[in-house]
Amino acid sequence: AAASALVPAELRIPPQDREAFRARAMEIADR
């Protein structure tokens, strides 16, 4: 969803923020 073209652009995670978003999502999922 973070980068999906199916989601309106204003709701997507900006490209420059995606790595941090992915890392945080992975950390939470690993708890």
PDB file of all heavy atoms in Angstrom:
ATOM      1  N   ALA A   1       0.820  -1.215   0.000  1.00  0.00           N
ATOM      2  CA  ALA A   1       0.000   0.000   0.000  1.00  0.00           C
ATOM      3  C   ALA A   1       0.853   1.265   0.000  1.00  0.00           C
ATOM      4  O   ALA A   1       0.475   2.269  -0.609  1.00  0.00           O
ATOM      5  CB  ALA A   1      -0.930   0.004   1.220  1.00  0.00           C
ATOM      6  N   ALA A   2       2.000   1.222   0.661  1.00  0.00           N
ATOM      7  CA  ALA A   2       2.839   2.412   0.818  1.00  0.00           C
ATOM      8  C   ALA A   2       3.173   3.085  -0.505  1.00  0.00           C
ATOM      9  O   ALA A   2       3.293   4.315  -0.569  1.00  0.00           O
ATOM     10  CB  ALA A   2       4.124   2.053   1.559  1.00  0.00           C
ATOM     11  N   ALA A   3       3.303   2.292  -1.572  1.00  0.00           N
ATOM     12  CA  ALA A   3       3.688   2.843  -2.876  1.00  0.00           C
ATOM     13  C   ALA A   3       2.699   2.486  -3.977  1.00  0.00           C
ATOM     14  O   ALA A   3       2.960   2.746  -5.143  1.00  0.00           O
ATOM     15  CB  ALA A   3       5.073   2.341  -3.245  1.00  0.00           C
ATOM     16  N   SER A   4       1.578   1.900  -3.626  1.00  0.00           N
ATOM     17  CA  SER A   4       0.631   1.391  -4.617  1.00  0.00           C
ATOM     18  C   SER A   4      -0.039   2.500  -5.423  1.00  0.00           C
ATOM     19  O   SER A   4      -0.559   3.471  -4.869  1.00  0.00           O
ATOM     20  CB  SER A   4      -0.449   0.557  -3.911  1.00  0.00           C
ATOM     21  OG  SER A   4      -1.423   0.137  -4.846  1.00  0.00           O
ATOM     22  N   ALA A   5      -0.075   2.305  -6.718  1.00  0.00           N
ATOM     23  CA  ALA A   5      -0.783   3.235  -7.602  1.00  0.00           C
ATOM     24  C   ALA A   5      -2.293   3.142  -7.386  1.00  0.00           C
ATOM     25  O   ALA A   5      -3.031   4.009  -7.861  1.00  0.00           O
ATOM     26  CB  ALA A   5      -0.435   2.938  -9.056  1.00  0.00           C
ATOM     27  N   LEU A   6      -2.751   2.128  -6.667  1.00  0.00           N
ATOM     28  CA  LEU A   6      -4.174   1.983  -6.372  1.00  0.00           C
ATOM     29  C   LEU A   6      -4.632   2.929  -5.257  1.00  0.00           C
ATOM     30  O   LEU A   6      -5.825   3.096  -5.035  1.00  0.00           O
ATOM     31  CB  LEU A   6      -4.492   0.537  -5.982  1.00  0.00           C
ATOM     32  CG  LEU A   6      -4.194  -0.510  -7.051  1.00  0.00           C
ATOM     33  CD1 LEU A   6      -4.408  -1.912  -6.499  1.00  0.00           C
ATOM     34  CD2 LEU A   6      -5.062  -0.279  -8.276  1.00  0.00           C
ATOM     35  N   VAL A   7      -3.657   3.511  -4.569  1.00  0.00           N
ATOM     36  CA  VAL A   7      -3.939   4.426  -3.465  1.00  0.00           C
ATOM     37  C   VAL A   7      -3.706   5.848  -3.967  1.00  0.00           C
ATOM     38  O   VAL A   7      -2.731   6.100  -4.681  1.00  0.00           O
ATOM     39  CB  VAL A   7      -2.977   4.113  -2.278  1.00  0.00           C
ATOM     40  CG1 VAL A   7      -3.114   5.137  -1.177  1.00  0.00           C
ATOM     41  CG2 VAL A   7      -3.227   2.710  -1.742  1.00  0.00           C
ATOM     42  N   PRO A   8      -4.584   6.795  -3.625  1.00  0.00           N
ATOM     43  CA  PRO A   8      -4.348   8.180  -4.048  1.00  0.00           C
ATOM     44  C   PRO A   8      -2.948   8.659  -3.648  1.00  0.00           C
ATOM     45  O   PRO A   8      -2.465   8.354  -2.551  1.00  0.00           O
ATOM     46  CB  PRO A   8      -5.436   8.970  -3.308  1.00  0.00           C
ATOM     47  CG  PRO A   8      -6.530   7.973  -3.074  1.00  0.00           C
ATOM     48  CD  PRO A   8      -5.816   6.658  -2.833  1.00  0.00           C
ATOM     49  N   ALA A   9      -2.317   9.389  -4.537  1.00  0.00           N
ATOM     50  CA  ALA A   9      -0.929   9.831  -4.334  1.00  0.00           C
ATOM     51  C   ALA A   9      -0.720  10.532  -2.995  1.00  0.00           C
ATOM     52  O   ALA A   9       0.309  10.344  -2.339  1.00  0.00           O
ATOM     53  CB  ALA A   9      -0.495  10.734  -5.486  1.00  0.00           C
ATOM     54  N   GLU A  10      -1.690  11.329  -2.574  1.00  0.00           N
ATOM     55  CA  GLU A  10      -1.524  12.077  -1.326  1.00  0.00           C
ATOM     56  C   GLU A  10      -1.529  11.183  -0.080  1.00  0.00           C
ATOM     57  O   GLU A  10      -1.120  11.613   0.995  1.00  0.00           O
ATOM     58  CB  GLU A  10      -2.582  13.184  -1.195  1.00  0.00           C
ATOM     59  CG  GLU A  10      -4.007  12.697  -1.045  1.00  0.00           C
ATOM     60  CD  GLU A  10      -4.731  12.441  -2.373  1.00  0.00           C
ATOM     61  OE1 GLU A  10      -4.084  12.463  -3.441  1.00  0.00           O
ATOM     62  OE2 GLU A  10      -5.946  12.205  -2.326  1.00  0.00           O
ATOM     63  N   LEU A  11      -1.974   9.943  -0.225  1.00  0.00           N
ATOM     64  CA  LEU A  11      -1.984   9.005   0.907  1.00  0.00           C
ATOM     65  C   LEU A  11      -0.762   8.091   0.909  1.00  0.00           C
ATOM     66  O   LEU A  11      -0.452   7.485   1.943  1.00  0.00           O
ATOM     67  CB  LEU A  11      -3.259   8.155   0.885  1.00  0.00           C
ATOM     68  CG  LEU A  11      -4.564   8.925   1.052  1.00  0.00           C
ATOM     69  CD1 LEU A  11      -5.752   7.973   0.967  1.00  0.00           C
ATOM     70  CD2 LEU A  11      -4.581   9.702   2.360  1.00  0.00           C
ATOM     71  N   ARG A  12      -0.095   7.961  -0.221  1.00  0.00           N
ATOM     72  CA  ARG A  12       1.087   7.094  -0.309  1.00  0.00           C
ATOM     73  C   ARG A  12       2.227   7.660   0.526  1.00  0.00           C
ATOM     74  O   ARG A  12       2.308   8.860   0.762  1.00  0.00           O
ATOM     75  CB  ARG A  12       1.565   6.978  -1.758  1.00  0.00           C
ATOM     76  CG  ARG A  12       0.634   6.216  -2.623  1.00  0.00           C
ATOM     77  CD  ARG A  12       1.206   6.089  -4.032  1.00  0.00           C
ATOM     78  NE  ARG A  12       0.099   6.265  -4.956  1.00  0.00           N
ATOM     79  CZ  ARG A  12       0.162   6.848  -6.130  1.00  0.00           C
ATOM     80  NH1 ARG A  12       1.308   7.301  -6.587  1.00  0.00           N
ATOM     81  NH2 ARG A  12      -0.905   6.950  -6.873  1.00  0.00           N
ATOM     82  N   ILE A  13       3.114   6.770   0.930  1.00  0.00           N
ATOM     83  CA  ILE A  13       4.316   7.197   1.639  1.00  0.00           C
ATOM     84  C   ILE A  13       5.250   7.811   0.597  1.00  0.00           C
ATOM     85  O   ILE A  13       5.542   7.171  -0.417  1.00  0.00           O
ATOM     86  CB  ILE A  13       4.989   6.003   2.352  1.00  0.00           C
ATOM     87  CG1 ILE A  13       3.997   5.296   3.288  1.00  0.00           C
ATOM     88  CG2 ILE A  13       6.247   6.463   3.103  1.00  0.00           C
ATOM     89  CD1 ILE A  13       3.346   6.167   4.341  1.00  0.00           C
ATOM     90  N   PRO A  14       5.718   9.039   0.810  1.00  0.00           N
ATOM     91  CA  PRO A  14       6.606   9.664  -0.175  1.00  0.00           C
ATOM     92  C   PRO A  14       7.866   8.815  -0.394  1.00  0.00           C
ATOM     93  O   PRO A  14       8.368   8.196   0.552  1.00  0.00           O
ATOM     94  CB  PRO A  14       6.965  11.016   0.465  1.00  0.00           C
ATOM     95  CG  PRO A  14       5.886  11.271   1.465  1.00  0.00           C
ATOM     96  CD  PRO A  14       5.442   9.910   1.946  1.00  0.00           C
ATOM     97  N   PRO A  15       8.371   8.783  -1.620  1.00  0.00           N
ATOM     98  CA  PRO A  15       9.543   7.944  -1.926  1.00  0.00           C
ATOM     99  C   PRO A  15      10.712   8.155  -0.962  1.00  0.00           C
ATOM    100  O   PRO A  15      11.342   7.183  -0.546  1.00  0.00           O
ATOM    101  CB  PRO A  15       9.919   8.354  -3.353  1.00  0.00           C
ATOM    102  CG  PRO A  15       8.633   8.825  -3.947  1.00  0.00           C
ATOM    103  CD  PRO A  15       7.883   9.488  -2.817  1.00  0.00           C
ATOM    104  N   GLN A  16      10.976   9.391  -0.587  1.00  0.00           N
ATOM    105  CA  GLN A  16      12.114   9.660   0.300  1.00  0.00           C
ATOM    106  C   GLN A  16      11.880   9.137   1.719  1.00  0.00           C
ATOM    107  O   GLN A  16      12.827   9.004   2.487  1.00  0.00           O
ATOM    108  CB  GLN A  16      12.455  11.158   0.314  1.00  0.00           C
ATOM    109  CG  GLN A  16      11.410  12.043   0.971  1.00  0.00           C
ATOM    110  CD  GLN A  16      10.293  12.502   0.028  1.00  0.00           C
ATOM    111  OE1 GLN A  16      10.105  11.952  -1.053  1.00  0.00           O
ATOM    112  NE2 GLN A  16       9.547  13.519   0.452  1.00  0.00           N
ATOM    113  N   ASP A  17      10.636   8.808   2.070  1.00  0.00           N
ATOM    114  CA  ASP A  17      10.315   8.310   3.419  1.00  0.00           C
ATOM    115  C   ASP A  17      10.072   6.803   3.458  1.00  0.00           C
ATOM    116  O   ASP A  17       9.871   6.239   4.536  1.00  0.00           O
ATOM    117  CB  ASP A  17       9.061   9.017   3.949  1.00  0.00           C
ATOM    118  CG  ASP A  17       9.258  10.515   4.112  1.00  0.00           C
ATOM    119  OD1 ASP A  17      10.423  10.966   4.216  1.00  0.00           O
ATOM    120  OD2 ASP A  17       8.241  11.233   4.132  1.00  0.00           O
ATOM    121  N   ARG A  18      10.077   6.150   2.311  1.00  0.00           N
ATOM    122  CA  ARG A  18       9.690   4.731   2.273  1.00  0.00           C
ATOM    123  C   ARG A  18      10.655   3.807   2.995  1.00  0.00           C
ATOM    124  O   ARG A  18      10.228   2.848   3.629  1.00  0.00           O
ATOM    125  CB  ARG A  18       9.480   4.279   0.830  1.00  0.00           C
ATOM    126  CG  ARG A  18       8.198   4.832   0.265  1.00  0.00           C
ATOM    127  CD  ARG A  18       7.888   4.311  -1.105  1.00  0.00           C
ATOM    128  NE  ARG A  18       6.801   5.112  -1.650  1.00  0.00           N
ATOM    129  CZ  ARG A  18       6.684   5.451  -2.903  1.00  0.00           C
ATOM    130  NH1 ARG A  18       7.565   5.004  -3.801  1.00  0.00           N
ATOM    131  NH2 ARG A  18       5.686   6.197  -3.307  1.00  0.00           N
ATOM    132  N   GLU A  19      11.945   4.067   2.914  1.00  0.00           N
ATOM    133  CA  GLU A  19      12.898   3.192   3.604  1.00  0.00           C
ATOM    134  C   GLU A  19      12.694   3.255   5.110  1.00  0.00           C
ATOM    135  O   GLU A  19      12.673   2.232   5.785  1.00  0.00           O
ATOM    136  CB  GLU A  19      14.339   3.527   3.221  1.00  0.00           C
ATOM    137  CG  GLU A  19      15.371   2.690   3.960  1.00  0.00           C
ATOM    138  CD  GLU A  19      15.160   1.187   3.869  1.00  0.00           C
ATOM    139  OE1 GLU A  19      14.684   0.693   2.827  1.00  0.00           O
ATOM    140  OE2 GLU A  19      15.449   0.482   4.851  1.00  0.00           O
ATOM    141  N   ALA A  20      12.538   4.437   5.651  1.00  0.00           N
ATOM    142  CA  ALA A  20      12.296   4.574   7.089  1.00  0.00           C
ATOM    143  C   ALA A  20      10.959   3.940   7.474  1.00  0.00           C
ATOM    144  O   ALA A  20      10.854   3.272   8.516  1.00  0.00           O
ATOM    145  CB  ALA A  20      12.327   6.049   7.496  1.00  0.00           C
ATOM    146  N   PHE A  21       9.949   4.125   6.639  1.00  0.00           N
ATOM    147  CA  PHE A  21       8.640   3.511   6.878  1.00  0.00           C
ATOM    148  C   PHE A  21       8.756   1.989   6.880  1.00  0.00           C
ATOM    149  O   PHE A  21       8.242   1.318   7.776  1.00  0.00           O
ATOM    150  CB  PHE A  21       7.663   3.978   5.793  1.00  0.00           C
ATOM    151  CG  PHE A  21       6.266   3.437   5.942  1.00  0.00           C
ATOM    152  CD1 PHE A  21       5.373   4.024   6.820  1.00  0.00           C
ATOM    153  CD2 PHE A  21       5.842   2.348   5.192  1.00  0.00           C
ATOM    154  CE1 PHE A  21       4.082   3.531   6.961  1.00  0.00           C
ATOM    155  CE2 PHE A  21       4.564   1.845   5.330  1.00  0.00           C
ATOM    156  CZ  PHE A  21       3.674   2.440   6.214  1.00  0.00           C
ATOM    157  N   ARG A  22       9.458   1.447   5.879  1.00  0.00           N
ATOM    158  CA  ARG A  22       9.649  -0.005   5.780  1.00  0.00           C
ATOM    159  C   ARG A  22      10.405  -0.537   6.995  1.00  0.00           C
ATOM    160  O   ARG A  22      10.012  -1.541   7.598  1.00  0.00           O
ATOM    161  CB  ARG A  22      10.407  -0.349   4.493  1.00  0.00           C
ATOM    162  CG  ARG A  22      10.510  -1.859   4.235  1.00  0.00           C
ATOM    163  CD  ARG A  22      11.582  -2.177   3.187  1.00  0.00           C
ATOM    164  NE  ARG A  22      12.915  -1.894   3.684  1.00  0.00           N
ATOM    165  CZ  ARG A  22      13.580  -2.680   4.515  1.00  0.00           C
ATOM    166  NH1 ARG A  22      13.055  -3.790   4.961  1.00  0.00           N
ATOM    167  NH2 ARG A  22      14.780  -2.339   4.922  1.00  0.00           N
ATOM    168  N   ALA A  23      11.472   0.148   7.386  1.00  0.00           N
ATOM    169  CA  ALA A  23      12.270  -0.305   8.531  1.00  0.00           C
ATOM    170  C   ALA A  23      11.431  -0.305   9.807  1.00  0.00           C
ATOM    171  O   ALA A  23      11.496  -1.259  10.597  1.00  0.00           O
ATOM    172  CB  ALA A  23      13.500   0.584   8.695  1.00  0.00           C
ATOM    173  N   ARG A  24      10.645   0.729  10.009  1.00  0.00           N
ATOM    174  CA  ARG A  24       9.793   0.807  11.207  1.00  0.00           C
ATOM    175  C   ARG A  24       8.721  -0.286  11.172  1.00  0.00           C
ATOM    176  O   ARG A  24       8.450  -0.935  12.188  1.00  0.00           O
ATOM    177  CB  ARG A  24       9.148   2.201  11.281  1.00  0.00           C
ATOM    178  CG  ARG A  24       8.204   2.377  12.428  1.00  0.00           C
ATOM    179  CD  ARG A  24       8.931   2.619  13.723  1.00  0.00           C
ATOM    180  NE  ARG A  24       7.946   2.968  14.745  1.00  0.00           N
ATOM    181  CZ  ARG A  24       7.906   2.414  15.927  1.00  0.00           C
ATOM    182  NH1 ARG A  24       8.806   1.536  16.287  1.00  0.00           N
ATOM    183  NH2 ARG A  24       6.972   2.763  16.795  1.00  0.00           N
ATOM    184  N   ALA A  25       8.119  -0.497  10.006  1.00  0.00           N
ATOM    185  CA  ALA A  25       7.100  -1.545   9.880  1.00  0.00           C
ATOM    186  C   ALA A  25       7.704  -2.917  10.174  1.00  0.00           C
ATOM    187  O   ALA A  25       7.080  -3.751  10.845  1.00  0.00           O
ATOM    188  CB  ALA A  25       6.486  -1.515   8.479  1.00  0.00           C
ATOM    189  N   MET A  26       8.909  -3.169   9.682  1.00  0.00           N
ATOM    190  CA  MET A  26       9.588  -4.449   9.942  1.00  0.00           C
ATOM    191  C   MET A  26       9.874  -4.610  11.433  1.00  0.00           C
ATOM    192  O   MET A  26       9.681  -5.686  11.997  1.00  0.00           O
ATOM    193  CB  MET A  26      10.903  -4.530   9.159  1.00  0.00           C
ATOM    194  CG  MET A  26      10.755  -4.572   7.680  1.00  0.00           C
ATOM    195  SD  MET A  26      10.506  -6.252   7.110  1.00  0.00           S
ATOM    196  CE  MET A  26      10.458  -5.971   5.352  1.00  0.00           C
ATOM    197  N   GLU A  27      10.334  -3.549  12.074  1.00  0.00           N
ATOM    198  CA  GLU A  27      10.666  -3.615  13.498  1.00  0.00           C
ATOM    199  C   GLU A  27       9.419  -3.944  14.319  1.00  0.00           C
ATOM    200  O   GLU A  27       9.451  -4.795  15.207  1.00  0.00           O
ATOM    201  CB  GLU A  27      11.281  -2.278  13.947  1.00  0.00           C
ATOM    202  CG  GLU A  27      11.700  -2.256  15.419  1.00  0.00           C
ATOM    203  CD  GLU A  27      10.597  -1.814  16.373  1.00  0.00           C
ATOM    204  OE1 GLU A  27       9.821  -0.901  16.029  1.00  0.00           O
ATOM    205  OE2 GLU A  27      10.500  -2.406  17.470  1.00  0.00           O
ATOM    206  N   ILE A  28       8.313  -3.303  14.004  1.00  0.00           N
ATOM    207  CA  ILE A  28       7.077  -3.564  14.741  1.00  0.00           C
ATOM    208  C   ILE A  28       6.580  -4.979  14.473  1.00  0.00           C
ATOM    209  O   ILE A  28       6.153  -5.680  15.393  1.00  0.00           O
ATOM    210  CB  ILE A  28       6.008  -2.511  14.383  1.00  0.00           C
ATOM    211  CG1 ILE A  28       6.438  -1.143  14.921  1.00  0.00           C
ATOM    212  CG2 ILE A  28       4.638  -2.906  14.931  1.00  0.00           C
ATOM    213  CD1 ILE A  28       5.644   0.011  14.367  1.00  0.00           C
ATOM    214  N   ALA A  29       6.657  -5.418  13.229  1.00  0.00           N
ATOM    215  CA  ALA A  29       6.194  -6.763  12.878  1.00  0.00           C
ATOM    216  C   ALA A  29       7.035  -7.841  13.542  1.00  0.00           C
ATOM    217  O   ALA A  29       6.574  -8.963  13.734  1.00  0.00           O
ATOM    218  CB  ALA A  29       6.211  -6.949  11.363  1.00  0.00           C
ATOM    219  N   ASP A  30       8.260  -7.497  13.929  1.00  0.00           N
ATOM    220  CA  ASP A  30       9.181  -8.469  14.529  1.00  0.00           C
ATOM    221  C   ASP A  30       9.041  -8.544  16.042  1.00  0.00           C
ATOM    222  O   ASP A  30       9.787  -9.249  16.700  1.00  0.00           O
ATOM    223  CB  ASP A  30      10.614  -8.103  14.146  1.00  0.00           C
ATOM    224  CG  ASP A  30      11.529  -9.297  14.115  1.00  0.00           C
ATOM    225  OD1 ASP A  30      11.054 -10.419  13.848  1.00  0.00           O
ATOM    226  OD2 ASP A  30      12.739  -9.115  14.357  1.00  0.00           O
ATOM    227  N   ARG A  31       8.090  -7.825  16.614  1.00  0.00           N
ATOM    228  CA  ARG A  31       7.882  -7.895  18.061  1.00  0.00           C
ATOM    229  C   ARG A  31       7.003  -9.081  18.399  1.00  0.00           C
ATOM    230  O   ARG A  31       6.076  -9.372  17.655  1.00  0.00           O
ATOM    231  CB  ARG A  31       7.200  -6.616  18.556  1.00  0.00           C
ATOM    232  CG  ARG A  31       8.053  -5.415  18.436  1.00  0.00           C
ATOM    233  CD  ARG A  31       7.312  -4.256  19.035  1.00  0.00           C
ATOM    234  NE  ARG A  31       7.905  -2.989  18.654  1.00  0.00           N
ATOM    235  CZ  ARG A  31       7.366  -1.813  18.957  1.00  0.00           C
ATOM    236  NH1 ARG A  31       6.250  -1.759  19.643  1.00  0.00           N
ATOM    237  NH2 ARG A  31       7.947  -0.717  18.577  1.00  0.00           N
TER     238      ARG A  31
END
